[in-house]
Each structure stands twice: as C-alpha cells, then as structure tokens.
Amino acid sequence: MDDSVERSCWGVAAKAAIGLAGIIFLAWLFIGAETAAVVAAAG
C-alpha cells in the first residue's frame, strides 16, 4: 500500500514539475519573442 502511494505521489510531483517548467518555458519564449519584436521595431 505504501509503495503504490509513494509512486503515485512521485508521479504527481514529476508531472507538476514538468508542467510548471513547460509553462515557464512557454512564457519565456513568448516574452523573448515579444521583446525581440519591440527591439526590432524600435531599431
């Protein structure tokens, strides 16, 4: 019982970490692209 609960907990933690990293990565891409466009337009 404890083993399955522990595995499930790690699975949820891993999915949460990957999801959070993915959101941060997409936000970084979006902000980076937007900043590049603003710099290109200003330049």
N, C-alpha and C. Protein backbone atom coordinates (compact mmCIF):
# COMPACT_ATOMS: atom_id res chain seq x y z
N MET A 1 0.84 -1.20 0.00
CA MET A 1 0.00 0.00 0.00
C MET A 1 0.88 1.25 0.00
N ASP A 2 1.85 1.29 0.89
CA ASP A 2 2.71 2.46 0.98
C ASP A 2 3.51 2.68 -0.31
N ASP A 3 3.97 1.57 -0.91
CA ASP A 3 4.76 1.68 -2.14
C ASP A 3 3.94 2.34 -3.25
N SER A 4 2.71 1.89 -3.44
CA SER A 4 1.88 2.45 -4.51
C SER A 4 1.56 3.92 -4.24
N VAL A 5 1.33 4.26 -2.98
CA VAL A 5 1.05 5.65 -2.63
C VAL A 5 2.28 6.51 -2.91
N GLU A 6 3.44 5.99 -2.55
CA GLU A 6 4.68 6.75 -2.76
C GLU A 6 4.93 6.96 -4.26
N ARG A 7 4.76 5.90 -5.06
CA ARG A 7 4.94 6.01 -6.51
C ARG A 7 3.97 7.03 -7.09
N SER A 8 2.71 6.96 -6.66
CA SER A 8 1.70 7.87 -7.15
C SER A 8 2.08 9.31 -6.80
N CYS A 9 2.55 9.51 -5.59
CA CYS A 9 2.95 10.84 -5.15
C CYS A 9 4.09 11.37 -6.01
N TRP A 10 5.10 10.51 -6.27
CA TRP A 10 6.23 10.94 -7.12
C TRP A 10 5.76 11.24 -8.53
N GLY A 11 4.81 10.44 -9.04
CA GLY A 11 4.29 10.68 -10.38
C GLY A 11 3.60 12.04 -10.48
N VAL A 12 2.80 12.35 -9.47
CA VAL A 12 2.11 13.65 -9.45
C VAL A 12 3.13 14.78 -9.34
N ALA A 13 4.12 14.62 -8.48
CA ALA A 13 5.15 15.65 -8.31
C ALA A 13 5.92 15.86 -9.61
N ALA A 14 6.26 14.76 -10.29
CA ALA A 14 7.01 14.86 -11.55
C ALA A 14 6.18 15.57 -12.60
N LYS A 15 4.89 15.21 -12.72
CA LYS A 15 4.02 15.87 -13.70
C LYS A 15 3.88 17.35 -13.38
N ALA A 16 3.75 17.69 -12.11
CA ALA A 16 3.62 19.09 -11.72
C ALA A 16 4.89 19.87 -12.06
N ALA A 17 6.05 19.27 -11.79
CA ALA A 17 7.32 19.92 -12.08
C ALA A 17 7.51 20.12 -13.59
N ILE A 18 7.17 19.09 -14.37
CA ILE A 18 7.30 19.19 -15.82
C ILE A 18 6.32 20.23 -16.37
N GLY A 19 5.10 20.21 -15.86
CA GLY A 19 4.10 21.18 -16.30
C GLY A 19 4.53 22.61 -15.97
N LEU A 20 5.04 22.81 -14.76
CA LEU A 20 5.49 24.14 -14.36
C LEU A 20 6.65 24.59 -15.23
N ALA A 21 7.60 23.69 -15.48
CA ALA A 21 8.74 24.02 -16.34
C ALA A 21 8.26 24.37 -17.74
N GLY A 22 7.28 23.63 -18.25
CA GLY A 22 6.74 23.91 -19.58
C GLY A 22 6.08 25.27 -19.65
N ILE A 23 5.32 25.63 -18.61
CA ILE A 23 4.66 26.94 -18.58
C ILE A 23 5.70 28.06 -18.54
N ILE A 24 6.72 27.89 -17.70
CA ILE A 24 7.78 28.90 -17.61
C ILE A 24 8.50 29.02 -18.95
N PHE A 25 8.77 27.89 -19.59
CA PHE A 25 9.47 27.90 -20.88
C PHE A 25 8.65 28.62 -21.94
N LEU A 26 7.33 28.32 -21.99
CA LEU A 26 6.47 28.99 -22.97
C LEU A 26 6.39 30.48 -22.68
N ALA A 27 6.27 30.86 -21.43
CA ALA A 27 6.22 32.28 -21.07
C ALA A 27 7.53 32.96 -21.46
N TRP A 28 8.65 32.29 -21.22
CA TRP A 28 9.96 32.85 -21.58
C TRP A 28 10.07 33.03 -23.09
N LEU A 29 9.60 32.03 -23.84
CA LEU A 29 9.62 32.13 -25.31
C LEU A 29 8.77 33.30 -25.76
N PHE A 30 7.55 33.40 -25.22
CA PHE A 30 6.62 34.46 -25.61
C PHE A 30 7.20 35.83 -25.28
N ILE A 31 7.71 36.00 -24.06
CA ILE A 31 8.29 37.29 -23.65
C ILE A 31 9.52 37.60 -24.47
N GLY A 32 10.35 36.59 -24.72
CA GLY A 32 11.56 36.80 -25.50
C GLY A 32 11.23 37.22 -26.93
N ALA A 33 10.23 36.56 -27.54
CA ALA A 33 9.83 36.90 -28.91
C ALA A 33 9.26 38.31 -28.96
N GLU A 34 8.45 38.64 -27.95
CA GLU A 34 7.82 39.97 -27.89
C GLU A 34 8.89 41.04 -27.73
N THR A 35 9.85 40.80 -26.86
CA THR A 35 10.93 41.75 -26.63
C THR A 35 11.75 41.94 -27.91
N ALA A 36 12.04 40.85 -28.60
CA ALA A 36 12.81 40.91 -29.84
C ALA A 36 12.04 41.73 -30.88
N ALA A 37 10.73 41.54 -30.96
CA ALA A 37 9.91 42.28 -31.93
C ALA A 37 9.91 43.76 -31.60
N VAL A 38 9.82 44.10 -30.32
CA VAL A 38 9.82 45.51 -29.90
C VAL A 38 11.17 46.14 -30.23
N VAL A 39 12.25 45.43 -29.95
CA VAL A 39 13.58 45.95 -30.23
C VAL A 39 13.76 46.13 -31.74
N ALA A 40 13.28 45.16 -32.53
CA ALA A 40 13.41 45.24 -33.98
C ALA A 40 12.59 46.43 -34.51
N ALA A 41 11.41 46.63 -33.97
CA ALA A 41 10.55 47.73 -34.42
C ALA A 41 11.16 49.08 -34.02
N ALA A 42 11.73 49.16 -32.83
CA ALA A 42 12.32 50.41 -32.35
C ALA A 42 13.61 50.70 -33.11
N GLY A 43 14.35 49.64 -33.42
CA GLY A 43 15.63 49.81 -34.10
C GLY A 43 15.41 50.16 -35.56
